Amino acid sequence: MAGYAWPLCELCGRPLDEGDGRYTRKGKRRRFCSRECRNAHNSRAGAAIRAQKQRARVARGEWRSPLDAVRDNPARYQAWRARVAEGVRRARRQEVAEGRWRNPALSPEAREKLSRPRKHGDNPVLHAA
């Protein structure tokens, strides 16, 4: 068959590997170049169904955000936020004590970015924003 193009992956568009053959072991036409592409395609195909079911549960009142219980009580919410922030601070102090922490603004890429002008003189609308 001259001029027949080898099939392309339905997700990423790459040509399928000729070594795998055109058909699966079950005799179906091969559609994806890898297991990752197949899994991603299946996940995307089912996402709309999962979202529809979740919206129905929320509409019926069967599901509430776990944070709603915390947000309903301001004191409890503040205590929760304080615990989260303290965990971050504790991790940062430990990195500093171990000598692992480095200021991200001191990297060459960050210093180059920070040295660029921050004004948009050539675009007055963007400059005014």
C-alpha atoms as a PDB file:
ATOM      1  CA  MET A   1       0.000   0.000   0.000  1.00  0.00           C
ATOM      2  CA  ALA A   2       2.063   2.894  -1.215  1.00  0.00           C
ATOM      3  CA  GLY A   3       1.219   6.252   0.327  1.00  0.00           C
ATOM      4  CA  TYR A   4      -0.540   4.798   3.401  1.00  0.00           C
ATOM      5  CA  ALA A   5       0.414   6.803   6.483  1.00  0.00           C
ATOM      6  CA  TRP A   6       1.121   4.967   9.698  1.00  0.00           C
ATOM      7  CA  PRO A   7      -1.648   5.760  12.233  1.00  0.00           C
ATOM      8  CA  LEU A   8      -1.242   8.591  14.725  1.00  0.00           C
ATOM      9  CA  CYS A   9      -1.927   8.620  18.443  1.00  0.00           C
ATOM     10  CA  GLU A  10      -5.414   9.979  19.127  1.00  0.00           C
ATOM     11  CA  LEU A  11      -4.178  11.997  22.106  1.00  0.00           C
ATOM     12  CA  CYS A  12      -0.756  13.447  21.299  1.00  0.00           C
ATOM     13  CA  GLY A  13      -0.681  12.997  17.518  1.00  0.00           C
ATOM     14  CA  ARG A  14       2.668  11.185  17.379  1.00  0.00           C
ATOM     15  CA  PRO A  15       2.990   8.266  14.958  1.00  0.00           C
ATOM     16  CA  LEU A  16       2.423   4.891  16.560  1.00  0.00           C
ATOM     17  CA  ASP A  17       5.440   2.647  16.905  1.00  0.00           C
ATOM     18  CA  GLU A  18       5.520   0.221  13.963  1.00  0.00           C
ATOM     19  CA  GLY A  19       7.005  -2.469  16.199  1.00  0.00           C
ATOM     20  CA  ASP A  20       3.789  -2.610  18.203  1.00  0.00           C
ATOM     21  CA  GLY A  21       1.736  -3.342  15.107  1.00  0.00           C
ATOM     22  CA  ARG A  22      -1.508  -1.788  13.969  1.00  0.00           C
ATOM     23  CA  TYR A  23      -3.728  -3.909  16.200  1.00  0.00           C
ATOM     24  CA  THR A  24      -3.836  -4.821  19.859  1.00  0.00           C
ATOM     25  CA  ARG A  25      -3.668  -8.398  21.106  1.00  0.00           C
ATOM     26  CA  LYS A  26      -7.461  -8.391  21.250  1.00  0.00           C
ATOM     27  CA  GLY A  27      -7.696  -7.559  17.553  1.00  0.00           C
ATOM     28  CA  LYS A  28      -8.727  -3.911  17.963  1.00  0.00           C
ATOM     29  CA  ARG A  29      -7.101  -1.082  16.047  1.00  0.00           C
ATOM     30  CA  ARG A  30      -4.273   0.510  18.059  1.00  0.00           C
ATOM     31  CA  ARG A  31      -5.257   4.076  19.028  1.00  0.00           C
ATOM     32  CA  PHE A  32      -2.547   5.362  21.384  1.00  0.00           C
ATOM     33  CA  CYS A  33       1.231   5.464  21.322  1.00  0.00           C
ATOM     34  CA  SER A  34       1.676   4.604  24.997  1.00  0.00           C
ATOM     35  CA  ARG A  35      -0.123   3.524  28.128  1.00  0.00           C
ATOM     36  CA  GLU A  36       0.191   7.091  29.467  1.00  0.00           C
ATOM     37  CA  CYS A  37      -1.666   8.495  26.435  1.00  0.00           C
ATOM     38  CA  ARG A  38      -4.361   5.844  26.772  1.00  0.00           C
ATOM     39  CA  ASN A  39      -4.822   6.540  30.490  1.00  0.00           C
ATOM     40  CA  ALA A  40      -4.915  10.309  29.929  1.00  0.00           C
ATOM     41  CA  HIS A  41      -7.511   9.904  27.182  1.00  0.00           C
ATOM     42  CA  ASN A  42      -9.696   7.675  29.353  1.00  0.00           C
ATOM     43  CA  SER A  43      -9.402  10.074  32.268  1.00  0.00           C
ATOM     44  CA  ARG A  44     -10.429  13.050  30.138  1.00  0.00           C
ATOM     45  CA  ALA A  45     -13.322  11.115  28.639  1.00  0.00           C
ATOM     46  CA  GLY A  46     -14.698  10.324  32.094  1.00  0.00           C
ATOM     47  CA  ALA A  47     -14.076  13.766  33.596  1.00  0.00           C
ATOM     48  CA  ALA A  48     -17.359  15.216  32.359  1.00  0.00           C
ATOM     49  CA  ILE A  49     -19.314  12.313  33.853  1.00  0.00           C
ATOM     50  CA  ARG A  50     -17.506  12.595  37.201  1.00  0.00           C
ATOM     51  CA  ALA A  51     -18.099  16.357  37.292  1.00  0.00           C
ATOM     52  CA  GLN A  52     -21.797  15.921  36.506  1.00  0.00           C
ATOM     53  CA  LYS A  53     -22.196  13.397  39.333  1.00  0.00           C
ATOM     54  CA  GLN A  54     -20.314  15.651  41.754  1.00  0.00           C
ATOM     55  CA  ARG A  55     -22.488  18.664  40.852  1.00  0.00           C
ATOM     56  CA  ALA A  56     -25.602  16.559  41.467  1.00  0.00           C
ATOM     57  CA  ARG A  57     -24.292  15.541  44.922  1.00  0.00           C
ATOM     58  CA  VAL A  58     -23.592  19.184  45.782  1.00  0.00           C
ATOM     59  CA  ALA A  59     -27.059  20.248  44.546  1.00  0.00           C
ATOM     60  CA  ARG A  60     -28.713  17.554  46.701  1.00  0.00           C
ATOM     61  CA  GLY A  61     -26.707  18.726  49.705  1.00  0.00           C
ATOM     62  CA  GLU A  62     -24.903  15.410  50.125  1.00  0.00           C
ATOM     63  CA  TRP A  63     -21.457  16.973  49.847  1.00  0.00           C
ATOM     64  CA  ARG A  64     -19.908  19.989  51.485  1.00  0.00           C
ATOM     65  CA  SER A  65     -16.379  21.223  51.335  1.00  0.00           C
ATOM     66  CA  PRO A  66     -14.355  19.953  54.302  1.00  0.00           C
ATOM     67  CA  LEU A  67     -13.228  23.526  54.861  1.00  0.00           C
ATOM     68  CA  ASP A  68     -16.849  24.699  55.313  1.00  0.00           C
ATOM     69  CA  ALA A  69     -16.917  23.208  58.813  1.00  0.00           C
ATOM     70  CA  VAL A  70     -13.761  25.139  59.636  1.00  0.00           C
ATOM     71  CA  ARG A  71     -14.923  28.376  58.003  1.00  0.00           C
ATOM     72  CA  ASP A  72     -18.260  28.329  59.847  1.00  0.00           C
ATOM     73  CA  ASN A  73     -16.356  28.923  63.081  1.00  0.00           C
ATOM     74  CA  PRO A  74     -13.952  31.894  62.670  1.00  0.00           C
ATOM     75  CA  ALA A  75     -11.877  30.994  65.737  1.00  0.00           C
ATOM     76  CA  ARG A  76     -11.454  27.437  64.477  1.00  0.00           C
ATOM     77  CA  TYR A  77     -10.499  28.750  61.026  1.00  0.00           C
ATOM     78  CA  GLN A  78      -7.859  31.052  62.492  1.00  0.00           C
ATOM     79  CA  ALA A  79      -6.439  28.190  64.544  1.00  0.00           C
ATOM     80  CA  TRP A  80      -6.285  25.999  61.440  1.00  0.00           C
ATOM     81  CA  ARG A  81      -4.513  28.728  59.425  1.00  0.00           C
ATOM     82  CA  ALA A  82      -2.061  29.270  62.299  1.00  0.00           C
ATOM     83  CA  ARG A  83      -1.229  25.537  62.379  1.00  0.00           C
ATOM     84  CA  VAL A  84      -0.600  25.514  58.635  1.00  0.00           C
ATOM     85  CA  ALA A  85       1.570  28.641  58.793  1.00  0.00           C
ATOM     86  CA  GLU A  86       3.527  27.286  61.765  1.00  0.00           C
ATOM     87  CA  GLY A  87       4.272  24.088  59.845  1.00  0.00           C
ATOM     88  CA  VAL A  88       5.666  26.126  56.959  1.00  0.00           C
ATOM     89  CA  ARG A  89       7.737  28.290  59.319  1.00  0.00           C
ATOM     90  CA  ARG A  90       9.051  25.199  61.149  1.00  0.00           C
ATOM     91  CA  ALA A  91      10.120  23.590  57.857  1.00  0.00           C
ATOM     92  CA  ARG A  92      11.855  26.798  56.751  1.00  0.00           C
ATOM     93  CA  ARG A  93      13.704  27.133  60.100  1.00  0.00           C
ATOM     94  CA  GLN A  94      14.861  23.530  59.814  1.00  0.00           C
ATOM     95  CA  GLU A  95      16.195  24.130  56.285  1.00  0.00           C
ATOM     96  CA  VAL A  96      18.060  27.224  57.498  1.00  0.00           C
ATOM     97  CA  ALA A  97      19.498  25.342  60.485  1.00  0.00           C
ATOM     98  CA  GLU A  98      20.698  22.513  58.228  1.00  0.00           C
ATOM     99  CA  GLY A  99      22.155  24.961  55.710  1.00  0.00           C
ATOM    100  CA  ARG A 100      19.931  23.713  52.860  1.00  0.00           C
ATOM    101  CA  TRP A 101      17.921  26.899  52.328  1.00  0.00           C
ATOM    102  CA  ARG A 102      19.027  29.317  49.629  1.00  0.00           C
ATOM    103  CA  ASN A 103      17.393  32.618  48.815  1.00  0.00           C
ATOM    104  CA  PRO A 104      15.717  32.035  45.424  1.00  0.00           C
ATOM    105  CA  ALA A 105      16.272  35.681  44.468  1.00  0.00           C
ATOM    106  CA  LEU A 106      20.040  35.133  44.486  1.00  0.00           C
ATOM    107  CA  SER A 107      20.076  32.692  41.574  1.00  0.00           C
ATOM    108  CA  PRO A 108      21.505  34.115  38.322  1.00  0.00           C
ATOM    109  CA  GLU A 109      18.165  33.788  36.526  1.00  0.00           C
ATOM    110  CA  ALA A 110      16.273  35.583  39.278  1.00  0.00           C
ATOM    111  CA  ARG A 111      18.878  38.351  39.529  1.00  0.00           C
ATOM    112  CA  GLU A 112      18.661  38.904  35.767  1.00  0.00           C
ATOM    113  CA  LYS A 113      14.862  39.061  35.927  1.00  0.00           C
ATOM    114  CA  LEU A 114      14.852  41.397  38.919  1.00  0.00           C
ATOM    115  CA  SER A 115      17.295  43.747  37.169  1.00  0.00           C
ATOM    116  CA  ARG A 116      14.909  44.328  34.249  1.00  0.00           C
ATOM    117  CA  PRO A 117      12.820  47.528  34.261  1.00  0.00           C
ATOM    118  CA  ARG A 118       9.355  47.096  35.701  1.00  0.00           C
ATOM    119  CA  LYS A 119       7.640  49.826  33.707  1.00  0.00           C
ATOM    120  CA  HIS A 120       5.866  49.403  30.397  1.00  0.00           C
ATOM    121  CA  GLY A 121       6.772  52.713  28.813  1.00  0.00           C
ATOM    122  CA  ASP A 122       6.029  51.533  25.283  1.00  0.00           C
ATOM    123  CA  ASN A 123       2.463  50.525  26.223  1.00  0.00           C
ATOM    124  CA  PRO A 124       0.602  53.306  28.112  1.00  0.00           C
ATOM    125  CA  VAL A 125      -2.470  51.144  28.787  1.00  0.00           C
ATOM    126  CA  LEU A 126      -0.376  48.395  30.373  1.00  0.00           C
ATOM    127  CA  HIS A 127       1.704  50.993  32.218  1.00  0.00           C
ATOM    128  CA  ALA A 128      -1.449  52.524  33.747  1.00  0.00           C
ATOM    129  CA  ALA A 129      -2.860  49.175  34.838  1.00  0.00           C
END
